Amino acid sequence: MLSRVANSLYWMSRYIERAENTARIVDVNLQLLLDFRNLDDRRLAEHWVPIVQSTGDEKLFFQLYQAANGQTVTDFLVFRSDNPNSIASAVTQARENARMVRDQITQEMWEEINRLYLFMRSPQARQTWASAPDEFCNEVKRSSLYLQGLVSGTLLENEGCHFMEVGRFLERGDKTTRILDVRYQTLPPKGMPGPINETDALEWVAVLRSCSALDAYRQSYGADIQPSRIAELLVLSNDFPRSVRACVAQLDVGLRSIAGTPSHRFTNEAEKLSGRLLAELQFSTVEEIFAPGLHDYLDQVQVKLNAIGDALFQAYIFLPYLDLDPGVERQQQ
């Protein structure tokens, strides 16, 4: 497979997953405001600024807007074209990457990506957002989930499929850490958190809903909302498919499938780093997550995920130029 083809498939998958996760964050936090009353500008800023921070775009946001509120933050995360992580930008980039590898994906996949792209550029998208933001977000989420089904149901399980899986689970694992990190200000700097009040409980429920994890949490822990249990579910669970551990496990499988490497070995830096991170998550406890502080722990996980992505590019995308013998080069041409 050509490195440019692998690159396009990888980023197509990442951008689709990014659009879905941004839609989840926006939808849940808009609905969360309905549970609060008498919010002044300061309280609104405290609600929205962490969401911008979780995407890593705080500097760009305050270059474009003077204040953080529902209108500015949602515009920035949904439609702003000069925000590379907005839903509109992510869908556009996904479609452009899909167009460049049109022969590597199925017709159904191309039609769905193109349909979502045309919807985002149509007046209907703005109208749906203005009248029913939840329906707009559901449209993005449904499209992403449908595409995931098309990948598993219509695509050959070849190198291209593995690169798409690696991109999807790398992006999902990163976004799960960022969603969880949104509410770290309500926790002690270090050590296990104590009981929380009703307002904090609503915000932590929003974290679970952003990951579609509320039902899984109730089945595992009951109705009592505790940040430590939420962190345990979203980081260390081997059964919940959006947990960091589950994402890294699938990421590790995808990386090793590309090269055909057994699970107990590695042939490049990306496989080594993914295997090491997976082992750390498998043998970690929730107490170890909160010992350095939840924010610092999640920052370290994000750094390790980024390192895996960089190593992947060094191994497969940024290949060195081979100076062939002139006779061999002429023969290849």
C-alpha atoms as a PDB file:
ATOM      1  CA  MET A   1       0.000   0.000   0.000  1.00  0.00           C
ATOM      2  CA  LEU A   2       1.253   3.481  -0.841  1.00  0.00           C
ATOM      3  CA  SER A   3       2.068   5.624   2.189  1.00  0.00           C
ATOM      4  CA  ARG A   4      -0.159   8.455   0.914  1.00  0.00           C
ATOM      5  CA  VAL A   5      -3.102   6.033   0.698  1.00  0.00           C
ATOM      6  CA  ALA A   6      -2.483   4.802   4.228  1.00  0.00           C
ATOM      7  CA  ASN A   7      -2.238   8.417   5.398  1.00  0.00           C
ATOM      8  CA  SER A   8      -5.570   9.379   3.814  1.00  0.00           C
ATOM      9  CA  LEU A   9      -7.409   6.351   5.212  1.00  0.00           C
ATOM     10  CA  TYR A  10      -5.946   6.985   8.665  1.00  0.00           C
ATOM     11  CA  TRP A  11      -6.977  10.649   8.724  1.00  0.00           C
ATOM     12  CA  MET A  12     -10.378  10.013   7.132  1.00  0.00           C
ATOM     13  CA  SER A  13     -11.191   7.692  10.025  1.00  0.00           C
ATOM     14  CA  ARG A  14      -9.765  10.069  12.666  1.00  0.00           C
ATOM     15  CA  TYR A  15     -11.726  13.051  11.381  1.00  0.00           C
ATOM     16  CA  ILE A  16     -15.011  11.151  11.333  1.00  0.00           C
ATOM     17  CA  GLU A  17     -14.417  10.032  14.923  1.00  0.00           C
ATOM     18  CA  ARG A  18     -13.447  13.592  15.881  1.00  0.00           C
ATOM     19  CA  ALA A  19     -16.675  15.008  14.455  1.00  0.00           C
ATOM     20  CA  GLU A  20     -18.717  12.442  16.389  1.00  0.00           C
ATOM     21  CA  ASN A  21     -16.976  13.132  19.704  1.00  0.00           C
ATOM     22  CA  THR A  22     -17.267  16.901  19.317  1.00  0.00           C
ATOM     23  CA  ALA A  23     -20.978  16.469  18.618  1.00  0.00           C
ATOM     24  CA  ARG A  24     -21.285  14.417  21.798  1.00  0.00           C
ATOM     25  CA  ILE A  25     -19.587  17.091  23.914  1.00  0.00           C
ATOM     26  CA  VAL A  26     -21.652  19.946  22.482  1.00  0.00           C
ATOM     27  CA  ASP A  27     -24.980  18.111  22.728  1.00  0.00           C
ATOM     28  CA  VAL A  28     -24.550  16.963  26.330  1.00  0.00           C
ATOM     29  CA  ASN A  29     -23.329  20.319  27.607  1.00  0.00           C
ATOM     30  CA  LEU A  30     -26.159  22.223  25.950  1.00  0.00           C
ATOM     31  CA  GLN A  31     -28.637  19.895  27.641  1.00  0.00           C
ATOM     32  CA  LEU A  32     -26.786  20.209  30.952  1.00  0.00           C
ATOM     33  CA  LEU A  33     -27.525  23.940  31.050  1.00  0.00           C
ATOM     34  CA  LEU A  34     -31.230  23.141  31.233  1.00  0.00           C
ATOM     35  CA  ASP A  35     -30.632  21.672  34.715  1.00  0.00           C
ATOM     36  CA  PHE A  36     -29.084  24.898  36.012  1.00  0.00           C
ATOM     37  CA  ARG A  37     -30.820  28.161  36.877  1.00  0.00           C
ATOM     38  CA  ASN A  38     -29.725  31.768  37.392  1.00  0.00           C
ATOM     39  CA  LEU A  39     -26.409  31.414  35.604  1.00  0.00           C
ATOM     40  CA  ASP A  40     -24.482  34.675  35.369  1.00  0.00           C
ATOM     41  CA  ASP A  41     -21.651  35.407  32.905  1.00  0.00           C
ATOM     42  CA  ARG A  42     -18.989  34.131  35.299  1.00  0.00           C
ATOM     43  CA  ARG A  43     -20.779  30.818  35.868  1.00  0.00           C
ATOM     44  CA  LEU A  44     -21.378  30.387  32.136  1.00  0.00           C
ATOM     45  CA  ALA A  45     -17.676  30.961  31.469  1.00  0.00           C
ATOM     46  CA  GLU A  46     -16.789  28.363  34.121  1.00  0.00           C
ATOM     47  CA  HIS A  47     -19.043  25.928  32.290  1.00  0.00           C
ATOM     48  CA  TRP A  48     -17.824  26.541  28.727  1.00  0.00           C
ATOM     49  CA  VAL A  49     -14.119  27.390  29.050  1.00  0.00           C
ATOM     50  CA  PRO A  50     -13.108  23.863  30.220  1.00  0.00           C
ATOM     51  CA  ILE A  51     -14.829  22.440  27.145  1.00  0.00           C
ATOM     52  CA  VAL A  52     -12.707  24.622  24.861  1.00  0.00           C
ATOM     53  CA  GLN A  53      -9.637  23.693  26.903  1.00  0.00           C
ATOM     54  CA  SER A  54     -10.420  20.005  26.478  1.00  0.00           C
ATOM     55  CA  THR A  55     -10.058  20.333  22.698  1.00  0.00           C
ATOM     56  CA  GLY A  56      -6.694  22.089  23.029  1.00  0.00           C
ATOM     57  CA  ASP A  57      -7.932  25.174  21.146  1.00  0.00           C
ATOM     58  CA  GLU A  58      -8.247  27.711  23.967  1.00  0.00           C
ATOM     59  CA  LYS A  59      -5.681  30.113  22.462  1.00  0.00           C
ATOM     60  CA  LEU A  60      -7.353  30.113  19.053  1.00  0.00           C
ATOM     61  CA  PHE A  61     -10.798  30.542  20.625  1.00  0.00           C
ATOM     62  CA  PHE A  62      -9.892  33.716  22.504  1.00  0.00           C
ATOM     63  CA  GLN A  63      -8.253  35.106  19.384  1.00  0.00           C
ATOM     64  CA  LEU A  64     -11.616  34.802  17.636  1.00  0.00           C
ATOM     65  CA  TYR A  65     -14.044  35.583  20.493  1.00  0.00           C
ATOM     66  CA  GLN A  66     -14.032  37.920  23.464  1.00  0.00           C
ATOM     67  CA  ALA A  67     -16.042  35.762  25.865  1.00  0.00           C
ATOM     68  CA  ALA A  68     -16.905  32.105  26.365  1.00  0.00           C
ATOM     69  CA  ASN A  69     -20.636  31.419  26.389  1.00  0.00           C
ATOM     70  CA  GLY A  70     -23.031  29.009  24.784  1.00  0.00           C
ATOM     71  CA  GLN A  71     -23.272  30.880  21.486  1.00  0.00           C
ATOM     72  CA  THR A  72     -19.562  31.514  20.954  1.00  0.00           C
ATOM     73  CA  VAL A  73     -18.319  28.111  22.078  1.00  0.00           C
ATOM     74  CA  THR A  74     -20.859  26.120  20.082  1.00  0.00           C
ATOM     75  CA  ASP A  75     -20.225  28.241  16.974  1.00  0.00           C
ATOM     76  CA  PHE A  76     -16.493  27.633  17.425  1.00  0.00           C
ATOM     77  CA  LEU A  77     -16.909  23.871  17.882  1.00  0.00           C
ATOM     78  CA  VAL A  78     -19.598  23.282  15.272  1.00  0.00           C
ATOM     79  CA  PHE A  79     -19.390  25.584  12.237  1.00  0.00           C
ATOM     80  CA  ARG A  80     -16.194  27.636  12.490  1.00  0.00           C
ATOM     81  CA  SER A  81     -14.143  26.780   9.397  1.00  0.00           C
ATOM     82  CA  ASP A  82     -10.917  28.307  10.729  1.00  0.00           C
ATOM     83  CA  ASN A  83     -11.090  25.974  13.743  1.00  0.00           C
ATOM     84  CA  PRO A  84      -9.444  22.780  12.420  1.00  0.00           C
ATOM     85  CA  ASN A  85     -11.204  20.723  15.110  1.00  0.00           C
ATOM     86  CA  SER A  86     -14.764  21.947  14.539  1.00  0.00           C
ATOM     87  CA  ILE A  87     -17.382  19.506  13.285  1.00  0.00           C
ATOM     88  CA  ALA A  88     -17.599  21.284   9.929  1.00  0.00           C
ATOM     89  CA  SER A  89     -13.806  21.228   9.455  1.00  0.00           C
ATOM     90  CA  ALA A  90     -13.531  17.587  10.522  1.00  0.00           C
ATOM     91  CA  VAL A  91     -16.252  16.479   8.092  1.00  0.00           C
ATOM     92  CA  THR A  92     -14.660  18.498   5.276  1.00  0.00           C
ATOM     93  CA  GLN A  93     -11.245  16.956   5.913  1.00  0.00           C
ATOM     94  CA  ALA A  94     -12.744  13.463   6.160  1.00  0.00           C
ATOM     95  CA  ARG A  95     -14.462  13.897   2.822  1.00  0.00           C
ATOM     96  CA  GLU A  96     -11.321  15.269   1.163  1.00  0.00           C
ATOM     97  CA  ASN A  97      -9.257  12.316   2.377  1.00  0.00           C
ATOM     98  CA  ALA A  98     -11.986   9.912   1.249  1.00  0.00           C
ATOM     99  CA  ARG A  99     -12.012  11.544  -2.194  1.00  0.00           C
ATOM    100  CA  MET A 100      -8.270  10.948  -2.573  1.00  0.00           C
ATOM    101  CA  VAL A 101      -8.667   7.221  -1.866  1.00  0.00           C
ATOM    102  CA  ARG A 102     -12.037   6.699  -3.484  1.00  0.00           C
ATOM    103  CA  ASP A 103     -10.910   3.348  -4.931  1.00  0.00           C
ATOM    104  CA  GLN A 104      -9.937   2.042  -1.470  1.00  0.00           C
ATOM    105  CA  ILE A 105     -13.356   2.417   0.181  1.00  0.00           C
ATOM    106  CA  THR A 106     -16.749   1.025  -0.725  1.00  0.00           C
ATOM    107  CA  GLN A 107     -19.427   2.904  -2.624  1.00  0.00           C
ATOM    108  CA  GLU A 108     -21.686   2.941   0.456  1.00  0.00           C
ATOM    109  CA  MET A 109     -18.949   4.550   2.546  1.00  0.00           C
ATOM    110  CA  TRP A 110     -18.280   7.258  -0.029  1.00  0.00           C
ATOM    111  CA  GLU A 111     -21.978   8.036  -0.401  1.00  0.00           C
ATOM    112  CA  GLU A 112     -22.445   8.420   3.376  1.00  0.00           C
ATOM    113  CA  ILE A 113     -19.360  10.600   3.843  1.00  0.00           C
ATOM    114  CA  ASN A 114     -20.440  12.749   0.899  1.00  0.00           C
ATOM    115  CA  ARG A 115     -24.011  12.968   2.227  1.00  0.00           C
ATOM    116  CA  LEU A 116     -22.789  14.181   5.630  1.00  0.00           C
ATOM    117  CA  TYR A 117     -20.472  16.693   3.941  1.00  0.00           C
ATOM    118  CA  LEU A 118     -23.281  18.098   1.777  1.00  0.00           C
ATOM    119  CA  PHE A 119     -25.568  18.290   4.824  1.00  0.00           C
ATOM    120  CA  MET A 120     -22.979  20.298   6.768  1.00  0.00           C
ATOM    121  CA  ARG A 121     -22.639  22.773   3.879  1.00  0.00           C
ATOM    122  CA  SER A 122     -26.381  23.133   3.282  1.00  0.00           C
ATOM    123  CA  PRO A 123     -28.746  25.755   4.746  1.00  0.00           C
ATOM    124  CA  GLN A 124     -30.616  22.845   6.320  1.00  0.00           C
ATOM    125  CA  ALA A 125     -27.712  22.286   8.747  1.00  0.00           C
ATOM    126  CA  ARG A 126     -27.973  25.831  10.124  1.00  0.00           C
ATOM    127  CA  GLN A 127     -31.746  25.578  10.293  1.00  0.00           C
ATOM    128  CA  THR A 128     -31.604  22.264  12.162  1.00  0.00           C
ATOM    129  CA  TRP A 129     -29.014  23.672  14.558  1.00  0.00           C
ATOM    130  CA  ALA A 130     -31.142  26.745  15.255  1.00  0.00           C
ATOM    131  CA  SER A 131     -34.375  24.820  15.841  1.00  0.00           C
ATOM    132  CA  ALA A 132     -33.122  21.544  17.390  1.00  0.00           C
ATOM    133  CA  PRO A 133     -29.402  21.358  18.287  1.00  0.00           C
ATOM    134  CA  ASP A 134     -29.844  17.855  19.695  1.00  0.00           C
ATOM    135  CA  GLU A 135     -31.173  16.604  16.348  1.00  0.00           C
ATOM    136  CA  PHE A 136     -28.221  18.199  14.560  1.00  0.00           C
ATOM    137  CA  CYS A 137     -25.753  16.446  16.877  1.00  0.00           C
ATOM    138  CA  ASN A 138     -27.633  13.169  16.527  1.00  0.00           C
ATOM    139  CA  GLU A 139     -27.319  13.451  12.748  1.00  0.00           C
ATOM    140  CA  VAL A 140     -23.532  13.655  13.037  1.00  0.00           C
ATOM    141  CA  LYS A 141     -23.371  10.791  15.558  1.00  0.00           C
ATOM    142  CA  ARG A 142     -25.671   8.567  13.505  1.00  0.00           C
ATOM    143  CA  SER A 143     -23.580   9.109  10.399  1.00  0.00           C
ATOM    144  CA  SER A 144     -20.356   8.227  12.226  1.00  0.00           C
ATOM    145  CA  LEU A 145     -21.851   5.072  13.725  1.00  0.00           C
ATOM    146  CA  TYR A 146     -23.290   4.077  10.348  1.00  0.00           C
ATOM    147  CA  LEU A 147     -19.848   4.466   8.761  1.00  0.00           C
ATOM    148  CA  GLN A 148     -18.334   2.272  11.461  1.00  0.00           C
ATOM    149  CA  GLY A 149     -20.883  -0.395  10.586  1.00  0.00           C
ATOM    150  CA  LEU A 150     -20.039  -0.048   6.903  1.00  0.00           C
ATOM    151  CA  VAL A 151     -16.341  -0.520   7.646  1.00  0.00           C
ATOM    152  CA  SER A 152     -16.980  -3.759   9.535  1.00  0.00           C
ATOM    153  CA  GLY A 153     -19.665  -4.971   7.136  1.00  0.00           C
ATOM    154  CA  THR A 154     -18.485  -4.023   3.646  1.00  0.00           C
ATOM    155  CA  LEU A 155     -14.706  -3.462   3.673  1.00  0.00           C
ATOM    156  CA  LEU A 156     -11.970  -6.010   3.094  1.00  0.00           C
ATOM    157  CA  GLU A 157      -9.888  -6.596   6.212  1.00  0.00           C
ATOM    158  CA  ASN A 158      -6.652  -5.530   4.561  1.00  0.00           C
ATOM    159  CA  GLU A 159      -3.959  -2.968   5.407  1.00  0.00           C
ATOM    160  CA  GLY A 160      -6.276  -0.078   4.572  1.00  0.00           C
ATOM    161  CA  CYS A 161      -8.889  -1.333   7.017  1.00  0.00           C
ATOM    162  CA  HIS A 162      -6.237  -1.670   9.726  1.00  0.00           C
ATOM    163  CA  PHE A 163      -5.015   1.906   9.204  1.00  0.00           C
ATOM    164  CA  MET A 164      -8.610   3.112   9.527  1.00  0.00           C
ATOM    165  CA  GLU A 165      -9.060   1.157  12.765  1.00  0.00           C
ATOM    166  CA  VAL A 166      -5.818   2.564  14.177  1.00  0.00           C
ATOM    167  CA  GLY A 167      -6.938   6.120  13.380  1.00  0.00           C
ATOM    168  CA  ARG A 168     -10.382   5.593  14.876  1.00  0.00           C
ATOM    169  CA  PHE A 169      -9.244   4.101  18.172  1.00  0.00           C
ATOM    170  CA  LEU A 170      -6.346   6.513  18.597  1.00  0.00           C
ATOM    171  CA  GLU A 171      -8.750   9.427  18.201  1.00  0.00           C
ATOM    172  CA  ARG A 172     -11.408   7.851  20.424  1.00  0.00           C
ATOM    173  CA  GLY A 173      -8.972   7.096  23.238  1.00  0.00           C
ATOM    174  CA  ASP A 174      -7.624  10.643  23.123  1.00  0.00           C
ATOM    175  CA  LYS A 175     -11.105  12.163  23.158  1.00  0.00           C
ATOM    176  CA  THR A 176     -12.219   9.989  26.087  1.00  0.00           C
ATOM    177  CA  THR A 177      -9.359  11.395  28.161  1.00  0.00           C
ATOM    178  CA  ARG A 178     -10.290  14.930  27.138  1.00  0.00           C
ATOM    179  CA  ILE A 179     -13.974  14.469  27.974  1.00  0.00           C
ATOM    180  CA  LEU A 180     -13.033  13.091  31.390  1.00  0.00           C
ATOM    181  CA  ASP A 181     -10.579  15.947  31.925  1.00  0.00           C
ATOM    182  CA  VAL A 182     -13.307  18.601  31.512  1.00  0.00           C
ATOM    183  CA  ARG A 183     -14.386  18.347  35.187  1.00  0.00           C
ATOM    184  CA  TYR A 184     -11.024  17.887  36.884  1.00  0.00           C
ATOM    185  CA  GLN A 185     -11.304  21.353  38.533  1.00  0.00           C
ATOM    186  CA  THR A 186     -13.954  19.965  40.906  1.00  0.00           C
ATOM    187  CA  LEU A 187     -11.474  17.404  42.295  1.00  0.00           C
ATOM    188  CA  PRO A 188      -8.629  17.737  44.812  1.00  0.00           C
ATOM    189  CA  PRO A 189      -5.200  18.370  43.200  1.00  0.00           C
ATOM    190  CA  LYS A 190      -3.976  14.936  44.276  1.00  0.00           C
ATOM    191  CA  GLY A 191      -5.454  11.860  45.899  1.00  0.00           C
ATOM    192  CA  MET A 192      -8.824  10.157  45.789  1.00  0.00           C
ATOM    193  CA  PRO A 193     -11.878  12.458  45.588  1.00  0.00           C
ATOM    194  CA  GLY A 194     -14.460  12.604  48.349  1.00  0.00           C
ATOM    195  CA  PRO A 195     -18.253  12.978  48.211  1.00  0.00           C
ATOM    196  CA  ILE A 196     -19.652  15.490  45.723  1.00  0.00           C
ATOM    197  CA  ASN A 197     -22.681  17.788  45.830  1.00  0.00           C
ATOM    198  CA  GLU A 198     -25.748  17.655  43.603  1.00  0.00           C
ATOM    199  CA  THR A 199     -24.453  20.231  41.101  1.00  0.00           C
ATOM    200  CA  ASP A 200     -21.154  18.392  40.674  1.00  0.00           C
ATOM    201  CA  ALA A 201     -23.060  15.132  40.270  1.00  0.00           C
ATOM    202  CA  LEU A 202     -24.992  16.601  37.323  1.00  0.00           C
ATOM    203  CA  GLU A 203     -21.737  17.630  35.675  1.00  0.00           C
ATOM    204  CA  TRP A 204     -20.193  14.183  36.160  1.00  0.00           C
ATOM    205  CA  VAL A 205     -23.320  12.568  34.720  1.00  0.00           C
ATOM    206  CA  ALA A 206     -22.769  14.801  31.681  1.00  0.00           C
ATOM    207  CA  VAL A 207     -19.269  13.320  31.348  1.00  0.00           C
ATOM    208  CA  LEU A 208     -20.777   9.828  31.277  1.00  0.00           C
ATOM    209  CA  ARG A 209     -23.417  10.841  28.764  1.00  0.00           C
ATOM    210  CA  SER A 210     -20.775  12.402  26.507  1.00  0.00           C
ATOM    211  CA  CYS A 211     -19.247   8.918  26.214  1.00  0.00           C
ATOM    212  CA  SER A 212     -22.615   7.095  26.100  1.00  0.00           C
ATOM    213  CA  ALA A 213     -21.480   5.503  29.344  1.00  0.00           C
ATOM    214  CA  LEU A 214     -24.332   6.317  31.744  1.00  0.00           C
ATOM    215  CA  ASP A 215     -26.112   2.989  31.301  1.00  0.00           C
ATOM    216  CA  ALA A 216     -22.834   1.073  31.547  1.00  0.00           C
ATOM    217  CA  TYR A 217     -21.995   2.952  34.759  1.00  0.00           C
ATOM    218  CA  ARG A 218     -25.373   2.155  36.333  1.00  0.00           C
ATOM    219  CA  GLN A 219     -25.033  -1.516  35.432  1.00  0.00           C
ATOM    220  CA  SER A 220     -21.557  -1.639  36.966  1.00  0.00           C
ATOM    221  CA  TYR A 221     -21.853   0.657  39.994  1.00  0.00           C
ATOM    222  CA  GLY A 222     -25.507   1.539  40.553  1.00  0.00           C
ATOM    223  CA  ALA A 223     -27.000   5.015  40.775  1.00  0.00           C
ATOM    224  CA  ASP A 224     -24.461   6.552  43.186  1.00  0.00           C
ATOM    225  CA  ILE A 225     -22.316   8.993  41.191  1.00  0.00           C
ATOM    226  CA  GLN A 226     -18.671   8.998  42.264  1.00  0.00           C
ATOM    227  CA  PRO A 227     -15.841  10.538  40.198  1.00  0.00           C
ATOM    228  CA  SER A 228     -13.450   7.728  41.125  1.00  0.00           C
ATOM    229  CA  ARG A 229     -15.803   5.112  39.692  1.00  0.00           C
ATOM    230  CA  ILE A 230     -16.375   7.211  36.566  1.00  0.00           C
ATOM    231  CA  ALA A 231     -12.622   7.456  36.034  1.00  0.00           C
ATOM    232  CA  GLU A 232     -12.265   3.715  36.595  1.00  0.00           C
ATOM    233  CA  LEU A 233     -14.934   2.982  33.973  1.00  0.00           C
ATOM    234  CA  LEU A 234     -13.672   5.448  31.355  1.00  0.00           C
ATOM    235  CA  VAL A 235      -9.969   4.705  31.778  1.00  0.00           C
ATOM    236  CA  LEU A 236      -9.437   1.163  33.062  1.00  0.00           C
ATOM    237  CA  SER A 237     -12.516  -0.832  32.066  1.00  0.00           C
ATOM    238  CA  ASN A 238     -11.870  -3.744  29.740  1.00  0.00           C
ATOM    239  CA  ASP A 239     -15.581  -4.201  29.031  1.00  0.00           C
ATOM    240  CA  PHE A 240     -16.713  -0.690  28.071  1.00  0.00           C
ATOM    241  CA  PRO A 241     -15.838  -0.109  24.378  1.00  0.00           C
ATOM    242  CA  ARG A 242     -15.087   3.618  24.713  1.00  0.00           C
ATOM    243  CA  SER A 243     -12.733   3.321  27.691  1.00  0.00           C
ATOM    244  CA  VAL A 244      -9.102   4.302  27.184  1.00  0.00           C
ATOM    245  CA  ARG A 245      -7.961   0.759  27.904  1.00  0.00           C
ATOM    246  CA  ALA A 246     -10.351  -0.772  25.371  1.00  0.00           C
ATOM    247  CA  CYS A 247      -9.317   1.792  22.735  1.00  0.00           C
ATOM    248  CA  VAL A 248      -5.605   1.159  23.295  1.00  0.00           C
ATOM    249  CA  ALA A 249      -6.211  -2.601  23.108  1.00  0.00           C
ATOM    250  CA  GLN A 250      -7.903  -2.221  19.710  1.00  0.00           C
ATOM    251  CA  LEU A 251      -5.218   0.249  18.632  1.00  0.00           C
ATOM    252  CA  ASP A 252      -2.529  -2.282  19.542  1.00  0.00           C
ATOM    253  CA  VAL A 253      -4.313  -5.023  17.591  1.00  0.00           C
ATOM    254  CA  GLY A 254      -4.589  -2.739  14.557  1.00  0.00           C
ATOM    255  CA  LEU A 255      -0.906  -1.780  14.621  1.00  0.00           C
ATOM    256  CA  ARG A 256       0.211  -5.395  14.866  1.00  0.00           C
ATOM    257  CA  SER A 257      -2.195  -6.455  12.104  1.00  0.00           C
ATOM    258  CA  ILE A 258      -0.541  -4.010   9.701  1.00  0.00           C
ATOM    259  CA  ALA A 259       2.863  -5.699  10.074  1.00  0.00           C
ATOM    260  CA  GLY A 260       1.650  -9.156  11.139  1.00  0.00           C
ATOM    261  CA  THR A 261       3.517  -8.925  14.448  1.00  0.00           C
ATOM    262  CA  PRO A 262       2.631 -11.313  17.323  1.00  0.00           C
ATOM    263  CA  SER A 263       1.264  -9.717  20.499  1.00  0.00           C
ATOM    264  CA  HIS A 264       4.356 -10.530  22.558  1.00  0.00           C
ATOM    265  CA  ARG A 265       6.784  -8.858  20.130  1.00  0.00           C
ATOM    266  CA  PHE A 266       7.268  -5.559  18.335  1.00  0.00           C
ATOM    267  CA  THR A 267       8.921  -4.579  15.052  1.00  0.00           C
ATOM    268  CA  ASN A 268       8.708  -0.787  15.260  1.00  0.00           C
ATOM    269  CA  GLU A 269       8.416   2.018  17.794  1.00  0.00           C
ATOM    270  CA  ALA A 270       4.643   2.393  17.414  1.00  0.00           C
ATOM    271  CA  GLU A 271       4.036  -1.253  18.360  1.00  0.00           C
ATOM    272  CA  LYS A 272       6.411  -0.964  21.303  1.00  0.00           C
ATOM    273  CA  LEU A 273       4.725   2.183  22.662  1.00  0.00           C
ATOM    274  CA  SER A 274       1.195   0.844  22.214  1.00  0.00           C
ATOM    275  CA  GLY A 275       2.079  -2.440  23.931  1.00  0.00           C
ATOM    276  CA  ARG A 276       3.725  -0.582  26.801  1.00  0.00           C
ATOM    277  CA  LEU A 277       0.740   1.749  27.296  1.00  0.00           C
ATOM    278  CA  LEU A 278      -1.686  -1.176  27.154  1.00  0.00           C
ATOM    279  CA  ALA A 279       0.314  -3.034  29.828  1.00  0.00           C
ATOM    280  CA  GLU A 280       0.312   0.066  32.053  1.00  0.00           C
ATOM    281  CA  LEU A 281      -3.468   0.352  31.767  1.00  0.00           C
ATOM    282  CA  GLN A 282      -3.999  -3.359  32.343  1.00  0.00           C
ATOM    283  CA  PHE A 283      -2.034  -3.301  35.591  1.00  0.00           C
ATOM    284  CA  SER A 284      -3.108   0.100  36.933  1.00  0.00           C
ATOM    285  CA  THR A 285      -5.597   0.855  39.688  1.00  0.00           C
ATOM    286  CA  VAL A 286      -7.935   3.787  40.151  1.00  0.00           C
ATOM    287  CA  GLU A 287      -5.851   4.911  43.151  1.00  0.00           C
ATOM    288  CA  GLU A 288      -2.849   5.258  40.836  1.00  0.00           C
ATOM    289  CA  ILE A 289      -4.907   7.432  38.494  1.00  0.00           C
ATOM    290  CA  PHE A 290      -5.703   9.949  41.224  1.00  0.00           C
ATOM    291  CA  ALA A 291      -2.348   9.796  43.063  1.00  0.00           C
ATOM    292  CA  PRO A 292      -0.633  12.418  40.819  1.00  0.00           C
ATOM    293  CA  GLY A 293      -3.966  14.179  40.176  1.00  0.00           C
ATOM    294  CA  LEU A 294      -6.485  13.242  37.494  1.00  0.00           C
ATOM    295  CA  HIS A 295      -5.478  16.114  35.201  1.00  0.00           C
ATOM    296  CA  ASP A 296      -1.759  15.251  35.267  1.00  0.00           C
ATOM    297  CA  TYR A 297      -2.468  11.546  34.748  1.00  0.00           C
ATOM    298  CA  LEU A 298      -4.694  12.198  31.724  1.00  0.00           C
ATOM    299  CA  ASP A 299      -2.130  14.624  30.305  1.00  0.00           C
ATOM    300  CA  GLN A 300       0.456  11.859  30.406  1.00  0.00           C
ATOM    301  CA  VAL A 301      -1.892   9.440  28.662  1.00  0.00           C
ATOM    302  CA  GLN A 302      -2.516  12.020  25.919  1.00  0.00           C
ATOM    303  CA  VAL A 303       1.239  12.504  25.485  1.00  0.00           C
ATOM    304  CA  LYS A 304       1.702   8.735  25.117  1.00  0.00           C
ATOM    305  CA  LEU A 305      -1.119   8.480  22.568  1.00  0.00           C
ATOM    306  CA  ASN A 306       0.428  11.321  20.569  1.00  0.00           C
ATOM    307  CA  ALA A 307       3.787   9.537  20.702  1.00  0.00           C
ATOM    308  CA  ILE A 308       2.155   6.409  19.250  1.00  0.00           C
ATOM    309  CA  GLY A 309       0.703   8.492  16.425  1.00  0.00           C
ATOM    310  CA  ASP A 310       4.089  10.095  15.706  1.00  0.00           C
ATOM    311  CA  ALA A 311       5.816   6.697  15.737  1.00  0.00           C
ATOM    312  CA  LEU A 312       3.189   5.328  13.348  1.00  0.00           C
ATOM    313  CA  PHE A 313       3.986   8.086  10.862  1.00  0.00           C
ATOM    314  CA  GLN A 314       7.716   7.486  11.187  1.00  0.00           C
ATOM    315  CA  ALA A 315       7.227   3.782  10.538  1.00  0.00           C
ATOM    316  CA  TYR A 316       4.764   3.898   7.641  1.00  0.00           C
ATOM    317  CA  ILE A 317       4.156   7.402   6.277  1.00  0.00           C
ATOM    318  CA  PHE A 318       7.408   9.389   6.417  1.00  0.00           C
ATOM    319  CA  LEU A 319       9.439   6.745   4.618  1.00  0.00           C
ATOM    320  CA  PRO A 320      13.019   7.687   3.664  1.00  0.00           C
ATOM    321  CA  TYR A 321      13.818   8.159  -0.015  1.00  0.00           C
ATOM    322  CA  LEU A 322      15.748   5.208  -1.420  1.00  0.00           C
ATOM    323  CA  ASP A 323      18.578   6.147  -3.748  1.00  0.00           C
ATOM    324  CA  LEU A 324      18.373   3.202  -6.126  1.00  0.00           C
ATOM    325  CA  ASP A 325      20.993   2.064  -8.523  1.00  0.00           C
ATOM    326  CA  PRO A 326      20.400   3.904 -11.843  1.00  0.00           C
ATOM    327  CA  GLY A 327      19.908   0.611 -13.686  1.00  0.00           C
ATOM    328  CA  VAL A 328      17.317  -0.615 -11.161  1.00  0.00           C
ATOM    329  CA  GLU A 329      15.539   2.754 -11.197  1.00  0.00           C
ATOM    330  CA  ARG A 330      15.287   2.715 -15.019  1.00  0.00           C
ATOM    331  CA  GLN A 331      13.934  -0.828 -14.897  1.00  0.00           C
ATOM    332  CA  GLN A 332      11.276   0.142 -12.323  1.00  0.00           C
ATOM    333  CA  GLN A 333      10.242   3.143 -14.396  1.00  0.00           C
END
